[in-house]
Amino acid sequence: MDAISLMESAANGALIGLMYSLVAMGIVLIYKSSSVPNLAQGSMTMLAAYVLLAFANSAGAPIWAAISLAIITMFIIGMAIERVALRRLAGRPIIMIL
């Protein structure tokens, strides 16, 4: 293995580890603030990755623009889910929220 491949593997490993830590912190933050485990955290992360991939590949946007557009898009999707689904669950039993 040459030095460039080693550096690329180290950078990829660090970025994957950072992504895992962000997902874990999101799970803990949501659970501590609402006492409800969020089972959709992984699917929302994958949706964000696919949105980013769509902006980067299909639209041909540079990576910095694709990241910005994906953040904005996921914010809008998150707000829509909160308005449509989560507001209706306020005050319901915990099993309904799960």
Protein backbone atom coordinates (compact mmCIF):
# COMPACT_ATOMS: atom_id res chain seq x y z
CA MET A 1 0.00 0.00 0.00
CA ASP A 2 1.47 3.33 -0.99
CA ALA A 3 1.36 6.49 1.10
CA ILE A 4 -1.47 8.13 -0.84
CA SER A 5 -3.75 5.12 -0.42
CA LEU A 6 -2.93 5.03 3.28
CA MET A 7 -3.77 8.72 3.68
CA GLU A 8 -7.04 8.30 1.74
CA SER A 9 -8.01 5.31 3.89
CA ALA A 10 -7.19 7.23 7.06
CA ALA A 11 -9.24 10.23 5.92
CA ASN A 12 -12.18 8.00 4.91
CA GLY A 13 -12.04 6.20 8.25
CA ALA A 14 -11.99 9.48 10.15
CA LEU A 15 -14.94 10.84 8.16
CA ILE A 16 -16.98 7.67 8.67
CA GLY A 17 -16.21 7.79 12.38
CA LEU A 18 -17.32 11.42 12.52
CA MET A 19 -20.55 10.52 10.73
CA TYR A 20 -21.25 7.72 13.21
CA SER A 21 -20.58 10.07 16.12
CA LEU A 22 -22.97 12.69 14.70
CA VAL A 23 -25.73 10.10 14.34
CA ALA A 24 -25.08 8.84 17.89
CA MET A 25 -25.17 12.37 19.29
CA GLY A 26 -28.44 13.00 17.45
CA ILE A 27 -29.97 9.87 18.96
CA VAL A 28 -28.85 10.84 22.47
CA LEU A 29 -29.99 14.45 22.07
CA ILE A 30 -33.46 13.47 20.91
CA TYR A 31 -33.84 10.82 23.61
CA LYS A 32 -32.67 13.11 26.42
CA SER A 33 -34.89 15.99 25.33
CA SER A 34 -38.09 14.01 24.71
CA SER A 35 -37.60 10.66 26.53
CA VAL A 36 -38.69 8.98 23.31
CA PRO A 37 -36.25 6.87 21.31
CA ASN A 38 -36.14 8.06 17.71
CA LEU A 39 -36.12 4.98 15.54
CA ALA A 40 -36.05 7.02 12.33
CA GLN A 41 -32.62 8.55 12.90
CA GLY A 42 -30.85 6.13 10.57
CA SER A 43 -33.40 6.49 7.80
CA MET A 44 -33.22 10.28 7.96
CA THR A 45 -29.43 10.07 7.75
CA MET A 46 -29.67 7.84 4.68
CA LEU A 47 -32.24 10.14 3.12
CA ALA A 48 -29.85 13.07 3.62
CA ALA A 49 -27.05 11.07 2.01
CA TYR A 50 -29.22 10.25 -1.00
CA VAL A 51 -30.34 13.88 -1.32
CA LEU A 52 -26.68 14.96 -1.26
CA LEU A 53 -25.83 12.33 -3.87
CA ALA A 54 -28.69 13.48 -6.07
CA PHE A 55 -27.56 17.10 -5.92
CA ALA A 56 -23.93 16.18 -6.56
CA ASN A 57 -24.43 13.67 -9.38
CA SER A 58 -27.74 14.41 -11.09
CA ALA A 59 -27.71 18.17 -10.80
CA GLY A 60 -23.96 18.38 -11.33
CA ALA A 61 -23.51 20.80 -8.43
CA PRO A 62 -20.08 21.16 -6.82
CA ILE A 63 -19.78 19.37 -3.48
CA TRP A 64 -19.96 22.52 -1.35
CA ALA A 65 -23.17 23.60 -3.11
CA ALA A 66 -24.61 20.09 -2.90
CA ILE A 67 -23.97 20.00 0.85
CA SER A 68 -25.64 23.38 1.31
CA LEU A 69 -28.63 22.36 -0.80
CA ALA A 70 -28.93 19.04 1.04
CA ILE A 71 -28.94 20.81 4.41
CA ILE A 72 -31.68 23.18 3.25
CA THR A 73 -33.69 20.32 1.71
CA MET A 74 -33.43 18.17 4.85
CA PHE A 75 -34.47 21.14 6.99
CA ILE A 76 -37.60 21.52 4.87
CA ILE A 77 -38.30 17.77 5.01
CA GLY A 78 -37.80 17.76 8.78
CA MET A 79 -40.18 20.69 9.23
CA ALA A 80 -42.77 18.96 7.05
CA ILE A 81 -42.53 15.74 9.08
CA GLU A 82 -42.85 17.71 12.30
CA ARG A 83 -45.91 19.59 11.07
CA VAL A 84 -47.69 16.61 9.51
CA ALA A 85 -46.83 13.72 11.83
CA LEU A 86 -45.30 14.80 15.12
CA ARG A 87 -47.71 17.57 16.09
CA ARG A 88 -50.59 15.10 15.90
CA LEU A 89 -48.82 12.85 18.40
CA ALA A 90 -48.48 15.45 21.16
CA GLY A 91 -50.08 14.22 24.36
CA ARG A 92 -50.54 10.67 23.08
CA PRO A 93 -49.37 7.56 24.94
CA ILE A 94 -45.72 6.64 24.49
CA ILE A 95 -46.55 3.55 22.42
CA MET A 96 -48.27 5.74 19.82
CA ILE A 97 -45.21 7.96 19.54
CA LEU A 98 -42.92 4.98 19.04
